Amino acid sequence: MTDDERAIRELVQTWMDASRAGDTAKVLSLMTDDVVFTVPGQEPFGKAAFAAASQAQQVMHVEGSAEIVELQVLGDWDFLRNRIDISVTPPGATQPMHRAGYTLTLLCAKTRAGAG
């Protein structure tokens, strides 16, 4: 495993650990200011929208995992396919919201170090 691959795996693990701990500040520190999220059924959104949504969800309990299925380091760009399995339980809810499936993440070299 190369240093770049190790850094990406650590980034994913840190993101998941911070998400489970409800540490929004840590999650936000792991993304660049020009991050773009694409989610089915929604317009692409950036860091500010992610932060606002996270603030609204801070009291929710998050459990889950992210398994890296494929990881490629290609010069200044990297991609990884993850299999995520996430459950989010709002306060007072009896059933969690569950999302599972594959994601595709593209990273540039500055993201490997968790640059914000």
C-alpha atoms as a PDB file:
ATOM      1  CA  MET A   1       0.000   0.000   0.000  1.00  0.00           C
ATOM      2  CA  THR A   2       1.381   3.410  -0.952  1.00  0.00           C
ATOM      3  CA  ASP A   3       1.457   6.441   1.349  1.00  0.00           C
ATOM      4  CA  ASP A   4      -1.293   8.042  -0.775  1.00  0.00           C
ATOM      5  CA  GLU A   5      -3.534   4.979  -0.447  1.00  0.00           C
ATOM      6  CA  ARG A   6      -2.938   4.899   3.295  1.00  0.00           C
ATOM      7  CA  ALA A   7      -3.798   8.615   3.589  1.00  0.00           C
ATOM      8  CA  ILE A   8      -7.056   8.098   1.679  1.00  0.00           C
ATOM      9  CA  ARG A   9      -8.038   5.130   3.843  1.00  0.00           C
ATOM     10  CA  GLU A  10      -7.298   7.183   6.955  1.00  0.00           C
ATOM     11  CA  LEU A  11      -9.393  10.050   5.561  1.00  0.00           C
ATOM     12  CA  VAL A  12     -12.385   7.731   5.053  1.00  0.00           C
ATOM     13  CA  GLN A  13     -11.983   6.212   8.521  1.00  0.00           C
ATOM     14  CA  THR A  14     -11.638   9.623  10.184  1.00  0.00           C
ATOM     15  CA  TRP A  15     -14.759  10.849   8.331  1.00  0.00           C
ATOM     16  CA  MET A  16     -16.772   7.849   9.524  1.00  0.00           C
ATOM     17  CA  ASP A  17     -15.470   8.108  13.109  1.00  0.00           C
ATOM     18  CA  ALA A  18     -16.314  11.825  13.222  1.00  0.00           C
ATOM     19  CA  SER A  19     -19.762  11.204  11.710  1.00  0.00           C
ATOM     20  CA  ARG A  20     -20.567   8.553  14.315  1.00  0.00           C
ATOM     21  CA  ALA A  21     -19.322  10.888  17.073  1.00  0.00           C
ATOM     22  CA  GLY A  22     -21.433  13.787  15.769  1.00  0.00           C
ATOM     23  CA  ASP A  23     -18.263  15.845  15.251  1.00  0.00           C
ATOM     24  CA  THR A  24     -19.450  18.070  12.405  1.00  0.00           C
ATOM     25  CA  ALA A  25     -16.464  20.404  12.763  1.00  0.00           C
ATOM     26  CA  LYS A  26     -14.094  17.490  12.155  1.00  0.00           C
ATOM     27  CA  VAL A  27     -16.038  16.297   9.107  1.00  0.00           C
ATOM     28  CA  LEU A  28     -16.042  19.820   7.671  1.00  0.00           C
ATOM     29  CA  SER A  29     -12.292  20.107   8.257  1.00  0.00           C
ATOM     30  CA  LEU A  30     -11.759  17.053   6.052  1.00  0.00           C
ATOM     31  CA  MET A  31     -13.273  18.664   2.959  1.00  0.00           C
ATOM     32  CA  THR A  32     -11.971  21.371   0.717  1.00  0.00           C
ATOM     33  CA  ASP A  33     -13.934  24.581   0.246  1.00  0.00           C
ATOM     34  CA  ASP A  34     -14.701  23.625  -3.367  1.00  0.00           C
ATOM     35  CA  VAL A  35     -16.142  20.179  -2.551  1.00  0.00           C
ATOM     36  CA  VAL A  36     -19.177  19.133  -4.607  1.00  0.00           C
ATOM     37  CA  PHE A  37     -21.628  16.450  -3.478  1.00  0.00           C
ATOM     38  CA  THR A  38     -23.960  14.794  -5.954  1.00  0.00           C
ATOM     39  CA  VAL A  39     -26.910  12.871  -4.555  1.00  0.00           C
ATOM     40  CA  PRO A  40     -29.694  11.290  -6.622  1.00  0.00           C
ATOM     41  CA  GLY A  41     -32.777  13.497  -6.771  1.00  0.00           C
ATOM     42  CA  GLN A  42     -30.973  16.658  -5.591  1.00  0.00           C
ATOM     43  CA  GLU A  43     -29.011  19.447  -7.192  1.00  0.00           C
ATOM     44  CA  PRO A  44     -25.263  19.260  -6.515  1.00  0.00           C
ATOM     45  CA  PHE A  45     -24.308  21.064  -3.306  1.00  0.00           C
ATOM     46  CA  GLY A  46     -21.159  22.242  -1.573  1.00  0.00           C
ATOM     47  CA  LYS A  47     -19.579  22.616   1.811  1.00  0.00           C
ATOM     48  CA  ALA A  48     -21.908  25.394   3.054  1.00  0.00           C
ATOM     49  CA  ALA A  49     -25.038  23.357   2.305  1.00  0.00           C
ATOM     50  CA  PHE A  50     -23.435  20.274   3.888  1.00  0.00           C
ATOM     51  CA  ALA A  51     -22.604  22.323   7.006  1.00  0.00           C
ATOM     52  CA  ALA A  52     -26.158  23.700   7.242  1.00  0.00           C
ATOM     53  CA  ALA A  53     -27.695  20.237   6.889  1.00  0.00           C
ATOM     54  CA  SER A  54     -25.248  18.851   9.447  1.00  0.00           C
ATOM     55  CA  GLN A  55     -26.160  21.564  11.958  1.00  0.00           C
ATOM     56  CA  ALA A  56     -29.810  20.609  11.635  1.00  0.00           C
ATOM     57  CA  GLN A  57     -28.911  16.956  12.231  1.00  0.00           C
ATOM     58  CA  GLN A  58     -26.456  17.310  15.121  1.00  0.00           C
ATOM     59  CA  VAL A  59     -28.834  15.783  17.646  1.00  0.00           C
ATOM     60  CA  MET A  60     -29.284  12.673  15.513  1.00  0.00           C
ATOM     61  CA  HIS A  61     -27.549   9.408  16.303  1.00  0.00           C
ATOM     62  CA  VAL A  62     -25.430   8.071  13.424  1.00  0.00           C
ATOM     63  CA  GLU A  63     -24.199   4.518  13.030  1.00  0.00           C
ATOM     64  CA  GLY A  64     -22.614   3.003  10.002  1.00  0.00           C
ATOM     65  CA  SER A  65     -19.675   1.844   8.016  1.00  0.00           C
ATOM     66  CA  ALA A  66     -17.861   2.588   4.783  1.00  0.00           C
ATOM     67  CA  GLU A  67     -15.968  -0.209   3.087  1.00  0.00           C
ATOM     68  CA  ILE A  68     -13.538   0.782   0.345  1.00  0.00           C
ATOM     69  CA  VAL A  69     -14.221  -1.578  -2.541  1.00  0.00           C
ATOM     70  CA  GLU A  70     -11.781  -0.036  -5.007  1.00  0.00           C
ATOM     71  CA  LEU A  71      -9.134   2.654  -4.642  1.00  0.00           C
ATOM     72  CA  GLN A  72      -7.038   4.064  -7.469  1.00  0.00           C
ATOM     73  CA  VAL A  73      -4.355   6.758  -7.187  1.00  0.00           C
ATOM     74  CA  LEU A  74      -3.834   8.335 -10.603  1.00  0.00           C
ATOM     75  CA  GLY A  75      -1.362  11.218 -10.428  1.00  0.00           C
ATOM     76  CA  ASP A  76      -3.072  14.225  -8.837  1.00  0.00           C
ATOM     77  CA  TRP A  77      -6.492  12.555  -8.920  1.00  0.00           C
ATOM     78  CA  ASP A  78      -7.798   9.552  -7.056  1.00  0.00           C
ATOM     79  CA  PHE A  79     -11.058   7.691  -7.030  1.00  0.00           C
ATOM     80  CA  LEU A  80     -12.620   5.303  -4.627  1.00  0.00           C
ATOM     81  CA  ARG A  81     -15.727   3.211  -4.660  1.00  0.00           C
ATOM     82  CA  ASN A  82     -17.216   2.699  -1.228  1.00  0.00           C
ATOM     83  CA  ARG A  83     -19.998   0.515   0.029  1.00  0.00           C
ATOM     84  CA  ILE A  84     -21.730   2.508   2.748  1.00  0.00           C
ATOM     85  CA  ASP A  85     -24.299   1.361   5.269  1.00  0.00           C
ATOM     86  CA  ILE A  86     -25.586   4.231   7.401  1.00  0.00           C
ATOM     87  CA  SER A  87     -28.425   4.519   9.903  1.00  0.00           C
ATOM     88  CA  VAL A  88     -29.477   7.907  11.285  1.00  0.00           C
ATOM     89  CA  THR A  89     -31.926   8.079  14.178  1.00  0.00           C
ATOM     90  CA  PRO A  90     -33.584  11.413  14.962  1.00  0.00           C
ATOM     91  CA  PRO A  91     -34.338  12.149  18.634  1.00  0.00           C
ATOM     92  CA  GLY A  92     -37.514  10.403  19.743  1.00  0.00           C
ATOM     93  CA  ALA A  93     -37.731   8.274  16.604  1.00  0.00           C
ATOM     94  CA  THR A  94     -38.393   4.581  16.930  1.00  0.00           C
ATOM     95  CA  GLN A  95     -36.927   3.668  13.535  1.00  0.00           C
ATOM     96  CA  PRO A  96     -33.674   4.917  12.011  1.00  0.00           C
ATOM     97  CA  MET A  97     -33.413   6.234   8.462  1.00  0.00           C
ATOM     98  CA  HIS A  98     -31.261   3.690   6.669  1.00  0.00           C
ATOM     99  CA  ARG A  99     -29.177   4.259   3.532  1.00  0.00           C
ATOM    100  CA  ALA A 100     -26.934   1.666   1.970  1.00  0.00           C
ATOM    101  CA  GLY A 101     -25.222   1.337  -1.359  1.00  0.00           C
ATOM    102  CA  TYR A 102     -22.232   2.286  -3.405  1.00  0.00           C
ATOM    103  CA  THR A 103     -20.666   5.722  -3.665  1.00  0.00           C
ATOM    104  CA  LEU A 104     -18.027   7.133  -5.973  1.00  0.00           C
ATOM    105  CA  THR A 105     -15.606   9.688  -4.580  1.00  0.00           C
ATOM    106  CA  LEU A 106     -13.113  11.699  -6.612  1.00  0.00           C
ATOM    107  CA  LEU A 107     -10.244  13.302  -4.734  1.00  0.00           C
ATOM    108  CA  CYS A 108      -7.509  15.682  -5.768  1.00  0.00           C
ATOM    109  CA  ALA A 109      -4.038  15.442  -4.233  1.00  0.00           C
ATOM    110  CA  LYS A 110      -4.688  18.216  -1.683  1.00  0.00           C
ATOM    111  CA  THR A 111      -7.569  16.173  -0.225  1.00  0.00           C
ATOM    112  CA  ARG A 112      -5.302  13.255   0.650  1.00  0.00           C
ATOM    113  CA  ALA A 113      -3.905  15.214   3.556  1.00  0.00           C
ATOM    114  CA  GLY A 114      -7.397  16.217   4.715  1.00  0.00           C
ATOM    115  CA  ALA A 115      -6.858  19.810   3.574  1.00  0.00           C
ATOM    116  CA  GLY A 116      -9.707  22.170   4.219  1.00  0.00           C
END
